[in-house]
Amino acid sequence: MIIFLWIVIFQITVLILAYFRVRFILSTFVLAIYLSALTFYPFTDQQFNLTVFQSFLAFWIPFGIIALLFNIPILRRVLLMNPIRYFLKKSMPAISQTEKEALEAGTVWWDAELFSGKPDWNTLMAYPAPQLSAEEQAFMDGPVNEFCAMLSDWKINHEDYDLTPKAWQFLKDKGFFGMIIPKKYGGLEFSALGHSCVVMKIASRSTSGTVTVMVPNSLGPAELLLKYGTEEQKDHYLPRLAKGREIPCFALTGPEAGSDAGSMPDTGIICHSDFEGKKDVLGIRLNWDKRYITLGPVATVLGLAFKLYDPDHLLGDKEELGITLALIPTNTPGVSIGSRHVPLNQFFQVGPNWGKDVFIPMDWIIGGTDRVGQGWRMLMESLAAGRSISLPALSTGGGKMVCRATGAYSRIRKQFKIPIGRFEGIEEALARMAGNTYTMDAARSLTCVALDMGEKPSVISAIVKYNLTETLRQVMNDSMDVQGGSGICMGPGNLWASTYQGVPVSITVEGANILTRSLIIFGQGAIRCHPYALKEIQAIANPDSSVASKEFDATFFRHL
């Protein structure tokens, strides 16, 4: 019985030390006290009454070896950590530069608390409450309401197949395309919350109208120019983008490169050529094939992602320079715009484009020659903002609209002489719709707070994009169940069908949801938000063995 108690005491001691993450040196001291007590305890049972010498052999020698091994860094590195590092290095697949940039893009915010398993809720509650500025509220009450009044999804999707010319001009005149552009360039310079609220409000009226507004303010030429463009590029393009004199699109996805955008076959070769009357201009000869490019059919300036090569070593010794981004006017010789796509009867402007032997000068690269080969990092660092705002706002706006419409319908539609909203089954669906929409709005608002605090939450942006678009799908399914025949019969008075049709579009774009969940949330998220995992991977990949040994030892030992 006494032996059993000593074993239990040992187990409890180890569990307490592990739970409170006591430093190893202090844990060693505590266990040494335990062993001392065990050594000198006068056991009455002669079978277990060990002499001091026997205790030394049985307990102290193994304990001393382990204590020395773990507490003396040089021994720990040579005998333990280096073998582990070598094993992991052989086991891990090589990380490409593209994968490395994607993994390290953005910042870690509240998501670190979530992935820790014990989030500090006081930290969350200390963040400022989201609040529109007076200017943003006035814009919501004025131009946004006016624009919504111009929209009819039925006319857009079944009669005009586009926004009306009046609506397009209104967007340009009121600066809808310049919400993220600073005022010094003629933009509105709205906060992330203001931008999100505009998109959300329009989404309650028309999906096609929403996409038309949100794309120029999401990942695209304006966002990339603001962060990486040269002063000449900013001065030329940003005022024109803010006022709609230039309509932008960004060409990334192609027939062979969807979720794996880094595998794009689109190429640029550095060479000399004549350009606009000038002889022997240093530039890039481009060939590309892109599709699913939103605003592509009406764009006047095309942002393009491609792989850049320098076979003649005109810039340096490297031949493969990496993914690079450029801005190309769509009237440039060799640029072709294809016929429009029709994504599930949503008639926003989207379509393919391609280029054959298109020559551009080097100063058309976003950021100039200093940004050669940095395109993937630029995209990954910029994607967080757009993905945090656009589709979460669209999903929340759609959810609010159908909650209002279906809630009202359930009060006036009667069966068995009572409103259907009083049936338990209908109440269940309405409760789910309301709860899910409230959750969507809370997640949308909190993410905007992060952006307005200067964060670039790559993992949180994926979390809200995935969860809010999936939640909209649940809300729409519940809504259609309640609506019955009134929801499935198309017509100008059907408020549900167009949004219902468009749900798979939001599920698919800006990172298909299966990919987003598997690779970004539970792949990148588990690594980026873990306090040690990313540092361990970086240490394993470090080519300097001496530095790698010290970094891995320090990080992995803290992890233990």
Protein backbone atom coordinates (compact mmCIF):
# COMPACT_ATOMS: atom_id res chain seq x y z
CA MET A 1 0.00 0.00 0.00
CA ILE A 2 2.85 2.38 0.88
CA ILE A 3 4.57 1.65 -2.43
CA PHE A 4 1.31 2.37 -4.28
CA LEU A 5 1.01 5.75 -2.51
CA TRP A 6 4.56 6.67 -3.49
CA ILE A 7 3.77 5.83 -7.11
CA VAL A 8 0.59 7.95 -6.98
CA ILE A 9 2.51 10.86 -5.42
CA PHE A 10 5.07 10.63 -8.23
CA GLN A 11 2.39 10.64 -10.94
CA ILE A 12 0.55 13.59 -9.37
CA THR A 13 3.81 15.53 -9.03
CA VAL A 14 4.70 14.99 -12.70
CA LEU A 15 1.18 15.95 -13.83
CA ILE A 16 1.22 19.17 -11.78
CA LEU A 17 4.64 20.15 -13.15
CA ALA A 18 3.46 19.46 -16.71
CA TYR A 19 0.11 21.23 -16.32
CA PHE A 20 1.67 24.43 -15.01
CA ARG A 21 4.54 24.17 -17.51
CA VAL A 22 7.16 24.51 -14.80
CA ARG A 23 10.65 25.15 -16.17
CA PHE A 24 12.71 22.00 -16.50
CA ILE A 25 15.44 23.09 -14.07
CA LEU A 26 12.83 23.71 -11.36
CA SER A 27 11.07 20.44 -12.20
CA THR A 28 14.42 18.66 -11.79
CA PHE A 29 14.82 20.19 -8.33
CA VAL A 30 11.29 19.13 -7.29
CA LEU A 31 11.83 15.55 -8.47
CA ALA A 32 15.19 15.45 -6.67
CA ILE A 33 13.38 16.29 -3.43
CA TYR A 34 10.92 13.48 -4.14
CA LEU A 35 13.74 10.99 -4.72
CA SER A 36 15.52 12.11 -1.53
CA ALA A 37 12.37 11.45 0.47
CA LEU A 38 11.95 8.10 -1.25
CA THR A 39 15.59 7.15 -0.56
CA PHE A 40 15.47 7.80 3.17
CA TYR A 41 11.89 6.70 3.85
CA PRO A 42 11.96 3.78 6.39
CA PHE A 43 9.88 1.11 4.63
CA THR A 44 8.60 -1.51 7.08
CA ASP A 45 8.37 -4.19 4.42
CA GLN A 46 11.90 -5.61 4.15
CA GLN A 47 11.27 -6.53 0.54
CA PHE A 48 11.18 -2.86 -0.40
CA ASN A 49 13.51 -1.47 2.27
CA LEU A 50 16.39 -0.47 -0.02
CA THR A 51 19.74 0.67 1.28
CA VAL A 52 21.01 4.10 0.33
CA PHE A 53 23.46 2.45 -2.08
CA GLN A 54 20.72 0.40 -3.70
CA SER A 55 18.53 3.52 -4.01
CA PHE A 56 21.46 5.30 -5.61
CA LEU A 57 21.77 2.58 -8.21
CA ALA A 58 18.03 2.17 -8.78
CA PHE A 59 16.92 5.83 -8.84
CA TRP A 60 19.67 8.39 -8.67
CA ILE A 61 21.89 7.24 -11.54
CA PRO A 62 19.03 7.18 -14.13
CA PHE A 63 17.66 10.43 -12.73
CA GLY A 64 21.09 12.08 -12.85
CA ILE A 65 21.67 11.03 -16.46
CA ILE A 66 18.30 12.42 -17.55
CA ALA A 67 18.76 15.61 -15.52
CA LEU A 68 22.21 16.28 -16.98
CA LEU A 69 21.03 15.46 -20.50
CA PHE A 70 18.12 17.89 -20.38
CA ASN A 71 19.67 20.68 -18.31
CA ILE A 72 23.08 21.06 -19.98
CA PRO A 73 22.46 22.61 -23.45
CA ILE A 74 25.57 21.27 -25.17
CA LEU A 75 24.84 17.70 -24.07
CA ARG A 76 21.17 18.05 -24.97
CA ARG A 77 21.98 19.33 -28.46
CA VAL A 78 24.60 16.70 -29.27
CA LEU A 79 22.94 13.64 -27.79
CA LEU A 80 19.23 14.40 -28.20
CA MET A 81 18.18 17.39 -30.29
CA ASN A 82 20.54 16.95 -33.25
CA PRO A 83 19.42 13.35 -33.89
CA ILE A 84 15.79 14.46 -33.68
CA ARG A 85 16.48 17.38 -36.05
CA TYR A 86 18.25 15.14 -38.58
CA PHE A 87 15.39 12.64 -38.48
CA LEU A 88 12.75 15.35 -39.00
CA LYS A 89 14.78 16.97 -41.79
CA LYS A 90 14.86 13.68 -43.69
CA SER A 91 11.18 13.00 -43.02
CA MET A 92 9.83 16.45 -43.95
CA PRO A 93 9.22 17.31 -47.62
CA ALA A 94 11.19 20.27 -48.93
CA ILE A 95 9.37 23.60 -48.58
CA SER A 96 9.46 25.68 -51.75
CA GLN A 97 9.89 29.43 -51.67
CA THR A 98 6.27 29.84 -52.77
CA GLU A 99 5.04 27.61 -49.92
CA LYS A 100 7.30 29.40 -47.46
CA GLU A 101 5.94 32.81 -48.45
CA ALA A 102 2.34 31.60 -48.20
CA LEU A 103 2.99 30.05 -44.79
CA GLU A 104 4.63 33.17 -43.36
CA ALA A 105 2.25 35.72 -44.92
CA GLY A 106 0.18 38.03 -42.76
CA THR A 107 0.12 38.41 -39.01
CA VAL A 108 -1.13 36.37 -36.07
CA TRP A 109 -3.85 38.02 -33.94
CA TRP A 110 -6.67 36.57 -31.85
CA ASP A 111 -6.30 33.33 -33.81
CA ALA A 112 -3.25 32.50 -31.70
CA GLU A 113 -5.50 32.51 -28.64
CA LEU A 114 -8.02 30.26 -30.37
CA PHE A 115 -5.43 27.68 -31.38
CA SER A 116 -3.81 27.75 -27.93
CA GLY A 117 -6.73 25.79 -26.48
CA LYS A 118 -7.19 28.23 -23.58
CA PRO A 119 -8.00 31.66 -25.06
CA ASP A 120 -7.79 34.73 -22.86
CA TRP A 121 -11.29 36.17 -23.23
CA ASN A 122 -10.27 39.36 -21.44
CA THR A 123 -7.95 40.09 -24.35
CA LEU A 124 -10.88 39.74 -26.74
CA MET A 125 -13.14 41.97 -24.67
CA ALA A 126 -10.46 44.67 -24.51
CA TYR A 127 -10.53 45.25 -28.27
CA PRO A 128 -12.44 48.39 -29.33
CA ALA A 129 -16.06 48.11 -30.40
CA PRO A 130 -16.63 48.58 -34.15
CA GLN A 131 -18.02 52.01 -34.99
CA LEU A 132 -18.62 53.78 -38.31
CA SER A 133 -17.35 57.32 -38.69
CA ALA A 134 -19.84 60.12 -39.39
CA GLU A 135 -18.63 60.28 -42.99
CA GLU A 136 -19.08 56.54 -43.47
CA GLN A 137 -22.56 56.62 -41.93
CA ALA A 138 -23.55 59.49 -44.22
CA PHE A 139 -22.33 57.49 -47.21
CA MET A 140 -24.41 54.52 -46.06
CA ASP A 141 -27.51 56.68 -45.64
CA GLY A 142 -27.02 58.53 -48.93
CA PRO A 143 -25.18 57.05 -51.94
CA VAL A 144 -25.46 53.42 -50.80
CA ASN A 145 -29.23 53.64 -50.39
CA GLU A 146 -29.51 55.43 -53.74
CA PHE A 147 -27.46 52.75 -55.46
CA CYS A 148 -29.52 49.96 -53.89
CA ALA A 149 -32.67 51.60 -55.24
CA MET A 150 -31.21 51.33 -58.75
CA LEU A 151 -30.72 47.58 -58.50
CA SER A 152 -33.06 44.78 -59.47
CA ASP A 153 -31.56 41.31 -59.54
CA TRP A 154 -34.34 40.14 -61.85
CA LYS A 155 -33.59 42.83 -64.44
CA ILE A 156 -29.83 42.32 -64.11
CA ASN A 157 -29.97 38.53 -64.44
CA HIS A 158 -32.90 38.06 -66.85
CA GLU A 159 -33.27 41.21 -68.96
CA ASP A 160 -30.20 43.47 -69.06
CA TYR A 161 -27.48 40.94 -68.16
CA ASP A 162 -25.53 43.76 -66.55
CA LEU A 163 -25.95 46.77 -64.30
CA THR A 164 -27.63 49.67 -66.06
CA PRO A 165 -25.39 52.40 -67.54
CA LYS A 166 -26.90 54.76 -64.95
CA ALA A 167 -25.83 52.46 -62.11
CA TRP A 168 -22.30 52.12 -63.52
CA GLN A 169 -21.95 55.88 -63.80
CA PHE A 170 -23.31 56.38 -60.30
CA LEU A 171 -20.67 54.03 -58.90
CA LYS A 172 -17.95 56.04 -60.62
CA ASP A 173 -19.32 59.46 -59.68
CA LYS A 174 -19.77 58.61 -55.99
CA GLY A 175 -16.38 56.93 -55.57
CA PHE A 176 -17.57 53.37 -54.84
CA PHE A 177 -14.49 51.98 -56.60
CA GLY A 178 -12.15 53.98 -54.35
CA MET A 179 -13.21 53.00 -50.84
CA ILE A 180 -9.72 51.74 -49.96
CA ILE A 181 -7.85 54.53 -51.77
CA PRO A 182 -6.56 57.47 -49.67
CA LYS A 183 -8.21 60.85 -50.05
CA LYS A 184 -5.03 62.42 -51.40
CA TYR A 185 -5.54 60.28 -54.51
CA GLY A 186 -9.26 61.08 -54.71
CA GLY A 187 -10.52 58.02 -52.86
CA LEU A 188 -12.89 57.70 -49.90
CA GLU A 189 -10.28 56.17 -47.52
CA PHE A 190 -12.87 54.19 -45.59
CA SER A 191 -12.02 51.97 -42.65
CA ALA A 192 -12.31 48.21 -43.04
CA LEU A 193 -15.61 48.40 -41.14
CA GLY A 194 -16.95 51.12 -43.43
CA HIS A 195 -15.94 49.14 -46.50
CA SER A 196 -17.56 46.00 -45.07
CA CYS A 197 -20.83 47.76 -44.21
CA VAL A 198 -21.15 49.15 -47.75
CA VAL A 199 -20.69 45.70 -49.26
CA MET A 200 -23.08 44.14 -46.73
CA LYS A 201 -25.83 46.67 -47.47
CA ILE A 202 -25.59 46.22 -51.24
CA ALA A 203 -25.60 42.43 -50.76
CA SER A 204 -29.08 42.72 -49.25
CA ARG A 205 -30.24 44.01 -52.63
CA SER A 206 -28.21 42.37 -55.41
CA THR A 207 -25.37 39.87 -55.64
CA SER A 208 -24.25 41.17 -59.03
CA GLY A 209 -24.20 44.74 -57.76
CA THR A 210 -22.24 43.65 -54.70
CA VAL A 211 -19.54 41.85 -56.67
CA THR A 212 -19.15 44.83 -58.99
CA VAL A 213 -18.41 47.08 -56.01
CA MET A 214 -16.36 44.73 -53.87
CA VAL A 215 -13.84 43.43 -56.42
CA PRO A 216 -12.05 46.75 -57.15
CA ASN A 217 -11.76 47.26 -53.38
CA SER A 218 -10.48 43.75 -52.68
CA LEU A 219 -7.26 42.07 -53.81
CA GLY A 220 -6.36 43.82 -57.04
CA PRO A 221 -4.45 46.70 -58.61
CA ALA A 222 -5.48 49.36 -56.05
CA GLU A 223 -4.55 47.26 -53.01
CA LEU A 224 -1.24 46.18 -54.56
CA LEU A 225 -0.33 49.69 -55.71
CA LEU A 226 -1.00 51.13 -52.26
CA LYS A 227 1.35 48.65 -50.62
CA TYR A 228 4.01 48.06 -53.24
CA GLY A 229 3.63 50.48 -56.15
CA THR A 230 6.20 53.09 -57.09
CA GLU A 231 5.27 56.73 -56.57
CA GLU A 232 4.88 57.18 -60.33
CA GLN A 233 2.50 54.21 -60.50
CA LYS A 234 0.46 55.47 -57.55
CA ASP A 235 0.21 59.00 -58.94
CA HIS A 236 -0.91 57.72 -62.33
CA TYR A 237 -3.30 54.92 -61.47
CA LEU A 238 -4.83 55.58 -58.05
CA PRO A 239 -6.72 58.80 -58.96
CA ARG A 240 -8.04 57.11 -62.09
CA LEU A 241 -9.09 53.99 -60.19
CA ALA A 242 -10.74 56.04 -57.43
CA LYS A 243 -13.02 57.84 -59.90
CA GLY A 244 -13.70 54.86 -62.13
CA ARG A 245 -11.81 56.24 -65.11
CA GLU A 246 -9.95 52.94 -65.01
CA ILE A 247 -11.80 49.69 -64.27
CA PRO A 248 -9.43 47.10 -62.78
CA CYS A 249 -9.30 43.34 -62.73
CA PHE A 250 -6.68 40.93 -61.48
CA ALA A 251 -5.76 37.82 -63.47
CA LEU A 252 -4.47 34.97 -61.32
CA THR A 253 -6.56 31.84 -61.97
CA GLY A 254 -6.01 29.88 -65.16
CA PRO A 255 -7.12 26.59 -66.76
CA GLU A 256 -4.20 24.73 -65.16
CA ALA A 257 -3.83 26.75 -61.96
CA GLY A 258 -6.83 27.05 -59.67
CA SER A 259 -6.29 26.35 -56.00
CA ASP A 260 -2.63 25.66 -56.78
CA ALA A 261 -2.11 29.11 -58.24
CA GLY A 262 1.65 28.81 -57.80
CA SER A 263 1.73 26.21 -60.59
CA MET A 264 0.65 28.74 -63.21
CA PRO A 265 2.15 28.13 -66.69
CA ASP A 266 1.97 31.83 -67.62
CA THR A 267 5.40 33.18 -68.46
CA GLY A 268 7.33 36.36 -68.98
CA ILE A 269 10.75 36.45 -70.67
CA ILE A 270 13.05 39.42 -70.10
CA CYS A 271 14.28 40.73 -73.44
CA HIS A 272 14.82 43.86 -75.54
CA SER A 273 12.25 45.07 -78.06
CA ASP A 274 10.87 48.18 -79.71
CA PHE A 275 8.04 49.78 -77.75
CA GLU A 276 5.86 52.79 -78.61
CA GLY A 277 8.43 54.22 -80.99
CA LYS A 278 11.43 53.59 -78.73
CA LYS A 279 14.22 51.25 -79.81
CA ASP A 280 15.76 48.44 -77.78
CA VAL A 281 13.60 48.85 -74.66
CA LEU A 282 14.30 46.42 -71.80
CA GLY A 283 11.07 44.68 -70.94
CA ILE A 284 9.12 41.43 -70.70
CA ARG A 285 7.47 39.33 -73.39
CA LEU A 286 4.38 37.76 -71.89
CA ASN A 287 2.21 34.79 -72.73
CA TRP A 288 -0.74 33.88 -70.52
CA ASP A 289 -4.14 32.27 -70.40
CA LYS A 290 -6.47 33.20 -67.53
CA ARG A 291 -10.13 32.58 -66.75
CA TYR A 292 -12.80 33.36 -64.12
CA ILE A 293 -11.47 36.93 -63.96
CA THR A 294 -14.07 39.18 -62.32
CA LEU A 295 -14.59 42.51 -64.15
CA GLY A 296 -12.29 41.16 -66.87
CA PRO A 297 -14.75 41.81 -69.74
CA VAL A 298 -15.01 45.54 -68.88
CA ALA A 299 -11.58 46.15 -67.36
CA THR A 300 -9.30 48.83 -68.76
CA VAL A 301 -6.27 47.83 -66.68
CA LEU A 302 -5.28 44.25 -66.02
CA GLY A 303 -3.25 43.09 -63.06
CA LEU A 304 -1.35 39.98 -64.11
CA ALA A 305 0.52 37.30 -62.17
CA PHE A 306 3.13 35.33 -64.13
CA LYS A 307 6.43 33.50 -63.74
CA LEU A 308 9.38 35.61 -64.84
CA TYR A 309 12.49 34.20 -66.52
CA ASP A 310 15.79 35.79 -67.54
CA PRO A 311 17.50 33.29 -69.88
CA ASP A 312 19.91 35.92 -71.26
CA HIS A 313 20.89 37.14 -67.77
CA LEU A 314 19.90 40.72 -68.54
CA LEU A 315 19.15 41.40 -64.86
CA GLY A 316 21.64 39.08 -63.16
CA ASP A 317 22.82 35.50 -62.79
CA LYS A 318 19.45 33.91 -61.96
CA GLU A 319 17.29 32.55 -64.76
CA GLU A 320 14.13 31.71 -62.81
CA LEU A 321 13.13 34.92 -61.04
CA GLY A 322 9.80 33.78 -59.60
CA ILE A 323 6.21 34.99 -59.67
CA THR A 324 5.95 38.66 -60.60
CA LEU A 325 3.00 41.07 -60.89
CA ALA A 326 2.44 43.70 -63.57
CA LEU A 327 -0.22 46.22 -64.60
CA ILE A 328 -1.19 46.10 -68.26
CA PRO A 329 -3.71 48.31 -70.09
CA THR A 330 -6.16 45.98 -71.81
CA ASN A 331 -5.73 47.84 -75.13
CA THR A 332 -2.08 46.74 -75.28
CA PRO A 333 -1.36 44.84 -78.54
CA GLY A 334 -1.65 41.10 -78.01
CA VAL A 335 -4.14 41.25 -75.12
CA SER A 336 -7.43 39.43 -75.81
CA ILE A 337 -10.65 39.48 -73.78
CA GLY A 338 -12.91 36.44 -74.17
CA SER A 339 -16.66 35.95 -73.93
CA ARG A 340 -18.29 36.31 -70.54
CA HIS A 341 -18.80 33.47 -68.10
CA VAL A 342 -22.25 33.11 -66.51
CA PRO A 343 -21.66 31.81 -62.97
CA LEU A 344 -24.99 30.28 -61.88
CA ASN A 345 -27.10 32.97 -63.51
CA GLN A 346 -25.29 35.79 -61.72
CA PHE A 347 -24.57 38.42 -64.35
CA PHE A 348 -21.71 40.35 -62.84
CA GLN A 349 -18.87 40.85 -65.29
CA VAL A 350 -16.52 37.87 -65.32
CA GLY A 351 -14.65 36.13 -68.10
CA PRO A 352 -11.36 34.87 -69.52
CA ASN A 353 -8.45 36.78 -71.01
CA TRP A 354 -5.18 35.82 -72.60
CA GLY A 355 -2.08 37.37 -74.08
CA LYS A 356 0.16 36.27 -76.95
CA ASP A 357 3.67 37.75 -77.21
CA VAL A 358 2.65 40.87 -75.29
CA PHE A 359 5.67 43.13 -74.71
CA ILE A 360 5.67 45.45 -71.70
CA PRO A 361 8.44 47.68 -70.29
CA MET A 362 10.00 46.84 -66.92
CA ASP A 363 8.38 49.82 -65.22
CA TRP A 364 4.96 48.18 -65.65
CA ILE A 365 5.94 45.69 -62.94
CA ILE A 366 4.09 46.63 -59.75
CA GLY A 367 6.77 48.19 -57.58
CA GLY A 368 9.28 48.31 -60.43
CA THR A 369 12.31 46.06 -60.83
CA ASP A 370 12.82 45.98 -57.06
CA ARG A 371 9.71 43.77 -56.84
CA VAL A 372 10.79 41.23 -59.44
CA GLY A 373 10.08 37.73 -58.14
CA GLN A 374 8.18 38.96 -55.08
CA GLY A 375 4.70 38.55 -56.54
CA TRP A 376 3.59 35.59 -54.47
CA ARG A 377 4.56 37.24 -51.20
CA MET A 378 2.79 40.44 -52.33
CA LEU A 379 -0.37 38.47 -53.10
CA MET A 380 -0.33 36.49 -49.87
CA GLU A 381 0.25 39.59 -47.73
CA SER A 382 -2.54 41.48 -49.51
CA LEU A 383 -5.08 38.67 -49.67
CA ALA A 384 -5.91 38.79 -45.95
CA ALA A 385 -7.63 42.18 -46.13
CA GLY A 386 -9.83 41.43 -49.12
CA ARG A 387 -10.75 37.94 -47.95
CA SER A 388 -11.60 39.33 -44.50
CA ILE A 389 -14.06 41.86 -45.90
CA SER A 390 -15.67 40.98 -49.22
CA LEU A 391 -17.26 37.55 -48.93
CA PRO A 392 -17.94 37.76 -45.17
CA ALA A 393 -19.82 41.02 -45.78
CA LEU A 394 -21.68 39.57 -48.77
CA SER A 395 -22.68 36.51 -46.73
CA THR A 396 -23.85 38.57 -43.77
CA GLY A 397 -25.86 40.90 -46.01
CA GLY A 398 -27.52 37.96 -47.73
CA GLY A 399 -28.31 36.36 -44.37
CA LYS A 400 -29.87 39.54 -43.00
CA MET A 401 -31.99 40.00 -46.11
CA VAL A 402 -33.47 36.50 -46.08
CA CYS A 403 -34.02 36.61 -42.32
CA ARG A 404 -36.10 39.73 -42.73
CA ALA A 405 -37.99 38.46 -45.76
CA THR A 406 -38.63 34.93 -44.49
CA GLY A 407 -39.46 36.15 -41.00
CA ALA A 408 -42.10 38.47 -42.45
CA TYR A 409 -43.42 35.74 -44.75
CA SER A 410 -43.84 33.34 -41.82
CA ARG A 411 -46.11 35.91 -40.11
CA ILE A 412 -48.45 36.53 -43.03
CA ARG A 413 -48.53 33.09 -44.65
CA LYS A 414 -51.25 31.01 -42.99
CA GLN A 415 -51.90 27.29 -43.09
CA PHE A 416 -54.46 25.50 -40.94
CA LYS A 417 -55.77 29.00 -40.13
CA ILE A 418 -52.66 30.11 -38.23
CA PRO A 419 -49.41 31.82 -39.34
CA ILE A 420 -46.83 29.20 -40.28
CA GLY A 421 -44.31 31.01 -38.06
CA ARG A 422 -46.13 29.53 -35.06
CA PHE A 423 -45.41 25.95 -36.12
CA GLU A 424 -42.60 24.38 -34.12
CA GLY A 425 -40.77 23.16 -37.23
CA ILE A 426 -40.83 26.64 -38.77
CA GLU A 427 -39.77 28.20 -35.46
CA GLU A 428 -36.80 25.86 -35.42
CA ALA A 429 -35.69 26.96 -38.89
CA LEU A 430 -36.23 30.66 -38.11
CA ALA A 431 -34.25 30.35 -34.88
CA ARG A 432 -31.33 28.76 -36.73
CA MET A 433 -31.44 31.50 -39.36
CA ALA A 434 -31.44 34.28 -36.77
CA GLY A 435 -28.71 32.70 -34.66
CA ASN A 436 -26.47 31.99 -37.62
CA THR A 437 -26.90 35.48 -39.03
CA TYR A 438 -26.13 37.07 -35.66
CA THR A 439 -22.97 34.95 -35.48
CA MET A 440 -21.97 36.00 -39.01
CA ASP A 441 -22.37 39.68 -38.18
CA ALA A 442 -20.32 39.31 -35.00
CA ALA A 443 -17.49 37.52 -36.83
CA ARG A 444 -17.56 40.10 -39.64
CA SER A 445 -17.36 43.02 -37.21
CA LEU A 446 -14.57 41.51 -35.10
CA THR A 447 -12.45 40.81 -38.17
CA CYS A 448 -12.87 44.41 -39.30
CA VAL A 449 -11.61 45.53 -35.89
CA ALA A 450 -8.44 43.50 -36.49
CA LEU A 451 -7.90 45.10 -39.89
CA ASP A 452 -8.48 48.60 -38.55
CA MET A 453 -5.90 47.90 -35.84
CA GLY A 454 -3.34 47.30 -38.59
CA GLU A 455 -3.36 43.51 -38.50
CA LYS A 456 -3.13 41.28 -41.59
CA PRO A 457 -4.88 38.21 -40.18
CA SER A 458 -4.28 35.59 -42.86
CA VAL A 459 -5.68 32.69 -40.82
CA ILE A 460 -8.66 34.61 -39.40
CA SER A 461 -9.51 35.83 -42.90
CA ALA A 462 -9.69 32.19 -43.99
CA ILE A 463 -11.76 31.26 -40.93
CA VAL A 464 -14.39 33.94 -41.59
CA LYS A 465 -14.43 33.38 -45.34
CA TYR A 466 -14.99 29.66 -44.92
CA ASN A 467 -17.42 29.75 -42.01
CA LEU A 468 -19.54 32.69 -43.17
CA THR A 469 -20.02 31.41 -46.71
CA GLU A 470 -20.89 27.96 -45.33
CA THR A 471 -23.25 29.53 -42.79
CA LEU A 472 -24.99 31.51 -45.54
CA ARG A 473 -25.59 28.20 -47.28
CA GLN A 474 -27.29 26.89 -44.11
CA VAL A 475 -29.35 30.07 -43.74
CA MET A 476 -30.47 29.92 -47.38
CA ASN A 477 -31.43 26.25 -47.09
CA ASP A 478 -33.56 26.99 -44.02
CA SER A 479 -35.08 30.00 -45.76
CA MET A 480 -36.04 28.00 -48.85
CA ASP A 481 -37.55 25.28 -46.65
CA VAL A 482 -39.82 27.86 -45.05
CA GLN A 483 -40.69 29.63 -48.31
CA GLY A 484 -41.78 26.48 -50.11
CA GLY A 485 -43.24 27.20 -53.53
CA SER A 486 -42.81 30.96 -53.19
CA GLY A 487 -39.05 30.46 -52.98
CA ILE A 488 -38.58 28.21 -55.98
CA CYS A 489 -40.72 30.02 -58.55
CA MET A 490 -38.57 32.64 -60.28
CA GLY A 491 -39.85 36.15 -60.86
CA PRO A 492 -39.27 39.84 -60.05
CA GLY A 493 -40.87 39.39 -56.62
CA ASN A 494 -38.74 36.42 -55.58
CA LEU A 495 -36.20 37.76 -53.06
CA TRP A 496 -34.55 34.42 -52.35
CA ALA A 497 -33.80 32.56 -55.58
CA SER A 498 -30.95 34.72 -56.87
CA THR A 499 -29.07 34.62 -53.57
CA TYR A 500 -29.73 30.88 -53.29
CA GLN A 501 -28.33 30.32 -56.78
CA GLY A 502 -25.25 32.38 -56.04
CA VAL A 503 -24.21 30.60 -52.82
CA PRO A 504 -21.85 28.12 -54.56
CA VAL A 505 -20.05 31.05 -56.19
CA SER A 506 -19.01 32.47 -52.83
CA ILE A 507 -18.13 28.95 -51.64
CA THR A 508 -15.74 28.61 -54.60
CA VAL A 509 -13.96 31.95 -55.04
CA GLU A 510 -11.07 33.46 -53.03
CA GLY A 511 -9.99 29.97 -52.02
CA ALA A 512 -12.42 27.08 -52.46
CA ASN A 513 -13.82 26.15 -49.07
CA ILE A 514 -12.49 22.59 -48.98
CA LEU A 515 -9.01 23.93 -49.69
CA THR A 516 -9.44 26.84 -47.28
CA ARG A 517 -10.47 24.57 -44.43
CA SER A 518 -7.88 21.87 -45.03
CA LEU A 519 -4.80 23.86 -45.98
CA ILE A 520 -5.20 27.32 -44.50
CA ILE A 521 -7.30 26.98 -41.35
CA PHE A 522 -6.00 23.61 -40.13
CA GLY A 523 -2.71 23.66 -42.04
CA GLN A 524 -1.34 27.17 -41.97
CA GLY A 525 -3.39 27.99 -38.88
CA ALA A 526 -2.07 25.12 -36.80
CA ILE A 527 1.49 26.05 -37.75
CA ARG A 528 1.34 29.86 -37.69
CA CYS A 529 -0.70 30.11 -34.51
CA HIS A 530 1.25 27.46 -32.63
CA PRO A 531 3.85 29.08 -30.37
CA TYR A 532 6.66 26.79 -31.56
CA ALA A 533 5.77 24.83 -34.73
CA LEU A 534 6.75 27.49 -37.30
CA LYS A 535 10.04 28.25 -35.54
CA GLU A 536 10.84 24.53 -35.44
CA ILE A 537 10.18 24.18 -39.17
CA GLN A 538 12.36 27.21 -39.90
CA ALA A 539 15.16 25.80 -37.75
CA ILE A 540 15.00 22.41 -39.49
CA ALA A 541 15.16 24.12 -42.90
CA ASN A 542 18.07 26.40 -41.93
CA PRO A 543 21.11 25.42 -44.07
CA ASP A 544 23.57 26.62 -41.40
CA SER A 545 23.90 23.50 -39.24
CA SER A 546 25.43 25.30 -36.26
CA VAL A 547 22.73 27.98 -36.12
CA ALA A 548 20.00 25.43 -36.88
CA SER A 549 21.18 23.24 -33.99
CA LYS A 550 20.94 26.08 -31.48
CA GLU A 551 17.60 27.39 -32.82
CA PHE A 552 16.00 23.95 -32.90
CA ASP A 553 17.28 23.09 -29.43
CA ALA A 554 15.93 26.30 -27.90
CA THR A 555 12.54 26.04 -29.62
CA PHE A 556 11.93 22.31 -29.38
CA PHE A 557 13.00 22.19 -25.73
CA ARG A 558 10.56 24.99 -24.86
CA HIS A 559 7.91 23.06 -26.80
CA LEU A 560 8.57 20.02 -24.62
